[in-house]
N, C-alpha and C. Protein backbone atom coordinates (compact mmCIF):
# COMPACT_ATOMS: atom_id res chain seq x y z
N MET A 1 0.84 -1.18 0.00
CA MET A 1 0.00 0.00 0.00
C MET A 1 0.89 1.24 0.00
N HIS A 2 0.51 2.24 -0.73
CA HIS A 2 1.25 3.49 -0.78
C HIS A 2 0.96 4.33 0.45
N THR A 3 1.97 5.10 0.86
CA THR A 3 1.76 5.97 2.01
C THR A 3 1.29 7.32 1.54
N GLY A 4 1.03 8.21 2.49
CA GLY A 4 0.61 9.55 2.11
C GLY A 4 -0.84 9.81 2.45
N GLY A 5 -1.41 8.98 3.30
CA GLY A 5 -2.80 9.18 3.65
C GLY A 5 -3.03 8.89 5.12
N THR A 6 -4.23 9.10 5.54
CA THR A 6 -4.63 8.85 6.91
C THR A 6 -5.64 7.72 6.93
N VAL A 7 -5.45 6.76 7.83
CA VAL A 7 -6.38 5.64 7.93
C VAL A 7 -7.43 6.02 8.97
N GLY A 8 -8.68 5.96 8.57
CA GLY A 8 -9.78 6.27 9.46
C GLY A 8 -10.14 5.09 10.33
N SER A 9 -11.03 5.30 11.28
CA SER A 9 -11.44 4.24 12.20
C SER A 9 -12.14 3.09 11.47
N ASP A 10 -12.66 3.36 10.28
CA ASP A 10 -13.33 2.31 9.51
C ASP A 10 -12.35 1.49 8.67
N GLY A 11 -11.06 1.83 8.74
CA GLY A 11 -10.05 1.07 8.02
C GLY A 11 -9.74 1.58 6.63
N TYR A 12 -10.50 2.55 6.15
CA TYR A 12 -10.23 3.11 4.83
C TYR A 12 -9.11 4.11 4.92
N GLN A 13 -8.27 4.14 3.89
CA GLN A 13 -7.19 5.10 3.86
C GLN A 13 -7.57 6.24 2.93
N VAL A 14 -7.44 7.45 3.43
CA VAL A 14 -7.74 8.64 2.64
C VAL A 14 -6.42 9.18 2.12
N LYS A 15 -6.31 9.30 0.82
CA LYS A 15 -5.08 9.81 0.21
C LYS A 15 -5.38 11.18 -0.37
N ALA A 16 -4.64 12.14 0.07
CA ALA A 16 -4.89 13.52 -0.35
C ALA A 16 -4.17 13.82 -1.66
N GLY A 17 -4.75 14.73 -2.40
CA GLY A 17 -4.11 15.24 -3.61
C GLY A 17 -4.23 14.31 -4.80
N MET A 18 -3.74 14.80 -5.91
CA MET A 18 -3.84 14.05 -7.15
C MET A 18 -2.91 12.85 -7.17
N THR A 19 -1.77 12.94 -6.47
CA THR A 19 -0.85 11.80 -6.45
C THR A 19 -1.53 10.60 -5.80
N GLY A 20 -2.22 10.84 -4.69
CA GLY A 20 -2.93 9.74 -4.02
C GLY A 20 -3.96 9.11 -4.92
N GLN A 21 -4.70 9.94 -5.65
CA GLN A 21 -5.72 9.41 -6.56
C GLN A 21 -5.09 8.63 -7.69
N ALA A 22 -3.99 9.14 -8.24
CA ALA A 22 -3.31 8.44 -9.33
C ALA A 22 -2.79 7.09 -8.86
N LEU A 23 -2.23 7.05 -7.65
CA LEU A 23 -1.72 5.79 -7.12
C LEU A 23 -2.85 4.81 -6.86
N GLN A 24 -3.98 5.29 -6.38
CA GLN A 24 -5.13 4.40 -6.16
C GLN A 24 -5.61 3.80 -7.48
N LEU A 25 -5.66 4.60 -8.52
CA LEU A 25 -6.07 4.09 -9.83
C LEU A 25 -5.08 3.05 -10.34
N ASP A 26 -3.79 3.34 -10.19
CA ASP A 26 -2.78 2.40 -10.64
C ASP A 26 -2.84 1.11 -9.82
N ASP A 27 -3.04 1.23 -8.50
CA ASP A 27 -3.18 0.04 -7.66
C ASP A 27 -4.39 -0.79 -8.08
N ALA A 28 -5.50 -0.12 -8.40
CA ALA A 28 -6.69 -0.84 -8.87
C ALA A 28 -6.39 -1.56 -10.18
N GLY A 29 -5.61 -0.93 -11.05
CA GLY A 29 -5.20 -1.58 -12.30
C GLY A 29 -4.37 -2.82 -12.03
N THR A 30 -3.48 -2.74 -11.05
CA THR A 30 -2.66 -3.89 -10.67
C THR A 30 -3.55 -5.01 -10.11
N ASP A 31 -4.55 -4.63 -9.32
CA ASP A 31 -5.50 -5.63 -8.81
C ASP A 31 -6.21 -6.33 -9.97
N MET A 32 -6.63 -5.56 -10.98
CA MET A 32 -7.32 -6.15 -12.13
C MET A 32 -6.36 -7.02 -12.95
N ASP A 33 -5.08 -6.68 -12.99
CA ASP A 33 -4.10 -7.56 -13.63
C ASP A 33 -4.11 -8.93 -12.94
N GLY A 34 -4.20 -8.90 -11.61
CA GLY A 34 -4.26 -10.15 -10.85
C GLY A 34 -5.51 -10.94 -11.14
N VAL A 35 -6.64 -10.25 -11.27
CA VAL A 35 -7.91 -10.91 -11.61
C VAL A 35 -7.78 -11.58 -12.98
N SER A 36 -7.23 -10.85 -13.92
CA SER A 36 -7.06 -11.39 -15.27
C SER A 36 -6.20 -12.66 -15.25
N SER A 37 -5.11 -12.62 -14.49
CA SER A 37 -4.24 -13.80 -14.40
C SER A 37 -4.96 -14.97 -13.74
N ALA A 38 -5.72 -14.69 -12.69
CA ALA A 38 -6.44 -15.76 -11.99
C ALA A 38 -7.50 -16.38 -12.89
N VAL A 39 -8.20 -15.55 -13.65
CA VAL A 39 -9.25 -16.05 -14.54
C VAL A 39 -8.65 -16.83 -15.69
N LYS A 40 -7.52 -16.35 -16.22
CA LYS A 40 -6.89 -17.00 -17.37
C LYS A 40 -6.54 -18.46 -17.06
N SER A 41 -6.16 -18.73 -15.82
CA SER A 41 -5.77 -20.09 -15.47
C SER A 41 -6.96 -21.05 -15.47
N ARG A 42 -8.18 -20.53 -15.62
CA ARG A 42 -9.39 -21.36 -15.58
C ARG A 42 -10.14 -21.34 -16.92
N THR A 43 -9.44 -21.23 -18.03
CA THR A 43 -10.12 -21.11 -19.32
C THR A 43 -10.27 -22.41 -20.09
N SER A 44 -10.10 -23.53 -19.44
CA SER A 44 -10.25 -24.79 -20.20
C SER A 44 -11.00 -25.84 -19.38
N TYR A 45 -12.28 -25.58 -19.18
CA TYR A 45 -13.13 -26.55 -18.50
C TYR A 45 -13.49 -27.66 -19.47
N SER A 46 -13.64 -28.86 -18.94
CA SER A 46 -14.01 -30.01 -19.78
C SER A 46 -15.38 -30.54 -19.37
N TYR A 47 -15.84 -31.50 -20.12
CA TYR A 47 -17.14 -32.12 -19.87
C TYR A 47 -17.24 -32.56 -18.41
N GLY A 48 -16.21 -33.22 -17.91
CA GLY A 48 -16.23 -33.74 -16.55
C GLY A 48 -16.29 -32.65 -15.49
N ASP A 49 -15.75 -31.48 -15.80
CA ASP A 49 -15.74 -30.38 -14.83
C ASP A 49 -17.13 -29.79 -14.61
N VAL A 50 -17.92 -29.72 -15.69
CA VAL A 50 -19.20 -28.99 -15.60
C VAL A 50 -20.42 -29.80 -16.01
N GLY A 51 -20.24 -31.03 -16.44
CA GLY A 51 -21.38 -31.88 -16.71
C GLY A 51 -21.96 -31.79 -18.10
N GLY A 52 -21.19 -31.48 -19.08
CA GLY A 52 -21.70 -31.47 -20.45
C GLY A 52 -20.84 -30.62 -21.37
N ASP A 53 -20.80 -31.04 -22.66
CA ASP A 53 -19.99 -30.30 -23.63
C ASP A 53 -20.52 -28.88 -23.85
N ASP A 54 -21.84 -28.75 -23.92
CA ASP A 54 -22.41 -27.41 -24.13
C ASP A 54 -22.09 -26.49 -22.95
N ALA A 55 -22.22 -27.04 -21.75
CA ALA A 55 -21.91 -26.25 -20.55
C ALA A 55 -20.44 -25.88 -20.51
N ALA A 56 -19.57 -26.80 -20.88
CA ALA A 56 -18.13 -26.53 -20.88
C ALA A 56 -17.80 -25.45 -21.91
N SER A 57 -18.39 -25.54 -23.09
CA SER A 57 -18.14 -24.52 -24.12
C SER A 57 -18.62 -23.15 -23.67
N ALA A 58 -19.82 -23.11 -23.09
CA ALA A 58 -20.37 -21.83 -22.63
C ALA A 58 -19.52 -21.25 -21.50
N LEU A 59 -19.11 -22.08 -20.57
CA LEU A 59 -18.31 -21.60 -19.45
C LEU A 59 -16.94 -21.13 -19.92
N ASN A 60 -16.33 -21.87 -20.83
CA ASN A 60 -15.03 -21.46 -21.38
C ASN A 60 -15.14 -20.12 -22.10
N ALA A 61 -16.20 -19.93 -22.86
CA ALA A 61 -16.40 -18.66 -23.56
C ALA A 61 -16.61 -17.51 -22.57
N PHE A 62 -17.39 -17.79 -21.51
CA PHE A 62 -17.63 -16.78 -20.49
C PHE A 62 -16.32 -16.38 -19.80
N VAL A 63 -15.52 -17.36 -19.42
CA VAL A 63 -14.26 -17.09 -18.72
C VAL A 63 -13.30 -16.32 -19.62
N LYS A 64 -13.24 -16.67 -20.91
CA LYS A 64 -12.37 -15.94 -21.84
C LYS A 64 -12.84 -14.49 -21.98
N ALA A 65 -14.14 -14.27 -22.03
CA ALA A 65 -14.67 -12.91 -22.12
C ALA A 65 -14.35 -12.13 -20.84
N TRP A 66 -14.45 -12.77 -19.70
CA TRP A 66 -14.15 -12.13 -18.41
C TRP A 66 -12.69 -11.75 -18.35
N GLU A 67 -11.83 -12.65 -18.84
CA GLU A 67 -10.39 -12.35 -18.87
C GLU A 67 -10.12 -11.13 -19.74
N ALA A 68 -10.75 -11.09 -20.91
CA ALA A 68 -10.56 -9.94 -21.81
C ALA A 68 -11.06 -8.65 -21.15
N GLU A 69 -12.19 -8.73 -20.47
CA GLU A 69 -12.75 -7.55 -19.79
C GLU A 69 -11.82 -7.09 -18.66
N ALA A 70 -11.27 -8.05 -17.91
CA ALA A 70 -10.35 -7.70 -16.82
C ALA A 70 -9.10 -7.02 -17.37
N LYS A 71 -8.59 -7.50 -18.50
CA LYS A 71 -7.42 -6.87 -19.13
C LYS A 71 -7.76 -5.45 -19.57
N THR A 72 -8.94 -5.27 -20.14
CA THR A 72 -9.36 -3.94 -20.59
C THR A 72 -9.48 -2.98 -19.41
N LEU A 73 -10.11 -3.45 -18.34
CA LEU A 73 -10.25 -2.61 -17.14
C LEU A 73 -8.89 -2.26 -16.53
N ALA A 74 -8.00 -3.24 -16.45
CA ALA A 74 -6.66 -2.99 -15.90
C ALA A 74 -5.93 -1.95 -16.73
N SER A 75 -5.98 -2.11 -18.04
CA SER A 75 -5.32 -1.16 -18.93
C SER A 75 -5.89 0.25 -18.76
N ALA A 76 -7.22 0.34 -18.69
CA ALA A 76 -7.87 1.64 -18.53
C ALA A 76 -7.50 2.29 -17.20
N LEU A 77 -7.45 1.52 -16.13
CA LEU A 77 -7.09 2.07 -14.82
C LEU A 77 -5.64 2.55 -14.79
N HIS A 78 -4.74 1.77 -15.37
CA HIS A 78 -3.33 2.20 -15.44
C HIS A 78 -3.21 3.48 -16.27
N GLU A 79 -3.92 3.53 -17.39
CA GLU A 79 -3.87 4.71 -18.26
C GLU A 79 -4.43 5.93 -17.54
N LEU A 80 -5.55 5.77 -16.86
CA LEU A 80 -6.16 6.89 -16.14
C LEU A 80 -5.25 7.38 -15.02
N GLY A 81 -4.63 6.46 -14.30
CA GLY A 81 -3.67 6.84 -13.26
C GLY A 81 -2.53 7.67 -13.83
N GLY A 82 -2.03 7.26 -14.99
CA GLY A 82 -0.96 8.01 -15.65
C GLY A 82 -1.42 9.40 -16.08
N LYS A 83 -2.65 9.49 -16.56
CA LYS A 83 -3.18 10.79 -16.98
C LYS A 83 -3.38 11.72 -15.79
N VAL A 84 -3.79 11.18 -14.65
CA VAL A 84 -3.95 12.02 -13.45
C VAL A 84 -2.59 12.54 -13.02
N GLN A 85 -1.56 11.68 -13.06
CA GLN A 85 -0.21 12.13 -12.72
C GLN A 85 0.26 13.23 -13.68
N LEU A 86 0.00 13.05 -14.96
CA LEU A 86 0.38 14.05 -15.95
C LEU A 86 -0.35 15.37 -15.70
N ALA A 87 -1.63 15.29 -15.39
CA ALA A 87 -2.41 16.50 -15.09
C ALA A 87 -1.83 17.21 -13.87
N LYS A 88 -1.46 16.45 -12.87
CA LYS A 88 -0.87 17.03 -11.66
C LYS A 88 0.40 17.79 -12.01
N LYS A 89 1.26 17.17 -12.80
CA LYS A 89 2.52 17.83 -13.19
C LYS A 89 2.24 19.09 -14.01
N THR A 90 1.25 19.01 -14.89
CA THR A 90 0.89 20.16 -15.71
C THR A 90 0.37 21.30 -14.84
N TYR A 91 -0.53 20.98 -13.92
CA TYR A 91 -1.08 22.01 -13.03
C TYR A 91 0.00 22.62 -12.15
N ARG A 92 0.90 21.77 -11.65
CA ARG A 92 1.97 22.29 -10.80
C ARG A 92 2.81 23.31 -11.59
N GLY A 93 3.15 22.98 -12.82
CA GLY A 93 3.92 23.90 -13.65
C GLY A 93 3.15 25.17 -13.95
N THR A 94 1.88 25.02 -14.27
CA THR A 94 1.05 26.19 -14.57
C THR A 94 0.85 27.05 -13.33
N ASP A 95 0.63 26.43 -12.18
CA ASP A 95 0.48 27.19 -10.94
C ASP A 95 1.73 27.99 -10.64
N GLY A 96 2.89 27.38 -10.89
CA GLY A 96 4.15 28.10 -10.67
C GLY A 96 4.27 29.31 -11.58
N LEU A 97 3.86 29.15 -12.83
CA LEU A 97 3.91 30.29 -13.76
C LEU A 97 2.95 31.39 -13.34
N VAL A 98 1.76 31.01 -12.91
CA VAL A 98 0.79 32.02 -12.45
C VAL A 98 1.35 32.77 -11.27
N LYS A 99 1.95 32.07 -10.32
CA LYS A 99 2.52 32.73 -9.15
C LYS A 99 3.65 33.66 -9.57
N THR A 100 4.50 33.21 -10.47
CA THR A 100 5.60 34.05 -10.94
C THR A 100 5.07 35.32 -11.59
N HIS A 101 4.06 35.17 -12.44
CA HIS A 101 3.48 36.35 -13.10
C HIS A 101 2.76 37.24 -12.08
N ALA A 102 2.06 36.64 -11.14
CA ALA A 102 1.36 37.43 -10.12
C ALA A 102 2.36 38.18 -9.25
N ASP A 103 3.49 37.54 -8.92
CA ASP A 103 4.51 38.19 -8.10
C ASP A 103 5.11 39.40 -8.80
N SER A 104 5.07 39.39 -10.13
CA SER A 104 5.68 40.51 -10.86
C SER A 104 4.73 41.69 -11.03
N VAL A 105 3.47 41.52 -10.62
CA VAL A 105 2.50 42.61 -10.72
C VAL A 105 2.72 43.59 -9.59
N SER A 106 2.75 44.86 -9.93
CA SER A 106 2.92 45.89 -8.92
C SER A 106 1.58 46.21 -8.29
N VAL A 107 1.52 46.11 -6.96
CA VAL A 107 0.29 46.39 -6.23
C VAL A 107 0.60 47.47 -5.19
N GLY A 108 -0.08 48.60 -5.29
CA GLY A 108 0.11 49.65 -4.29
C GLY A 108 1.52 50.18 -4.26
N GLY A 109 2.22 50.18 -5.37
CA GLY A 109 3.56 50.74 -5.42
C GLY A 109 4.64 49.77 -5.01
N THR A 110 4.30 48.49 -4.76
CA THR A 110 5.32 47.51 -4.41
C THR A 110 5.40 46.47 -5.51
N SER A 111 6.49 45.74 -5.54
CA SER A 111 6.63 44.71 -6.56
C SER A 111 6.38 43.32 -6.00
N SER A 112 6.09 43.22 -4.72
CA SER A 112 5.85 41.92 -4.13
C SER A 112 4.42 41.86 -3.61
N LEU A 113 3.75 40.77 -3.85
CA LEU A 113 2.37 40.63 -3.41
C LEU A 113 2.28 40.17 -1.96
N THR A 114 3.42 39.89 -1.35
CA THR A 114 3.37 39.39 0.02
C THR A 114 3.22 40.51 1.04
N ASP A 115 3.42 41.76 0.61
CA ASP A 115 3.20 42.83 1.59
C ASP A 115 1.71 43.09 1.69
N THR A 116 1.27 43.75 2.72
CA THR A 116 -0.15 43.92 2.98
C THR A 116 -0.63 45.31 2.57
N SER A 117 0.00 45.86 1.54
CA SER A 117 -0.41 47.19 1.12
C SER A 117 -1.86 47.17 0.64
N THR A 118 -2.49 48.30 0.74
CA THR A 118 -3.88 48.39 0.32
C THR A 118 -3.99 49.34 -0.84
N GLN A 119 -5.03 49.15 -1.59
CA GLN A 119 -5.32 50.04 -2.70
C GLN A 119 -6.80 50.35 -2.60
N GLY A 120 -7.10 51.62 -2.49
CA GLY A 120 -8.49 52.02 -2.36
C GLY A 120 -9.09 51.54 -1.05
N GLY A 121 -8.26 51.37 -0.01
CA GLY A 121 -8.76 50.94 1.28
C GLY A 121 -8.96 49.45 1.43
N ARG A 122 -8.66 48.64 0.37
CA ARG A 122 -8.84 47.19 0.42
C ARG A 122 -7.50 46.49 0.27
N THR A 123 -7.36 45.38 0.96
CA THR A 123 -6.16 44.56 0.78
C THR A 123 -6.33 43.76 -0.51
N SER A 124 -5.26 43.64 -1.27
CA SER A 124 -5.32 42.90 -2.53
C SER A 124 -5.69 41.45 -2.28
N ALA A 125 -6.52 40.91 -3.14
CA ALA A 125 -6.89 39.49 -3.07
C ALA A 125 -5.68 38.60 -3.31
N LEU A 126 -4.67 39.13 -3.99
CA LEU A 126 -3.46 38.36 -4.29
C LEU A 126 -2.42 38.46 -3.19
N SER A 127 -2.70 39.21 -2.13
CA SER A 127 -1.68 39.41 -1.10
C SER A 127 -1.33 38.14 -0.34
N SER A 128 -2.16 37.13 -0.42
CA SER A 128 -1.86 35.88 0.29
C SER A 128 -0.92 34.99 -0.49
N TYR A 129 -0.58 35.31 -1.70
CA TYR A 129 0.33 34.47 -2.48
C TYR A 129 1.77 34.73 -2.09
């Protein structure tokens, strides 16, 4: 299990931020990889296993379809986890640029937004950056 979260009294772990969500998606994809592997090992039932050729054929087809579905779900979860990580990196870079540009704006005759200067009797909304 990945760290970075708090475990509640109910046993669930809460992971904050986009990294936690991306890791949860990737972990779910890994779980589905395991399901796919477990199902794949059961794709050849015979007459004796299920009581008839028609039943064996139907069950084998069902298991093969389930395996394919598990692979699709695993792939989608891994892909989504990667996209969330990419979005996080993109937002982090964009947030940094916004802060840099905001810091360069002159407010009340100063060049830094961290001072508490006022303009028109109001503190700048950007003063907390």
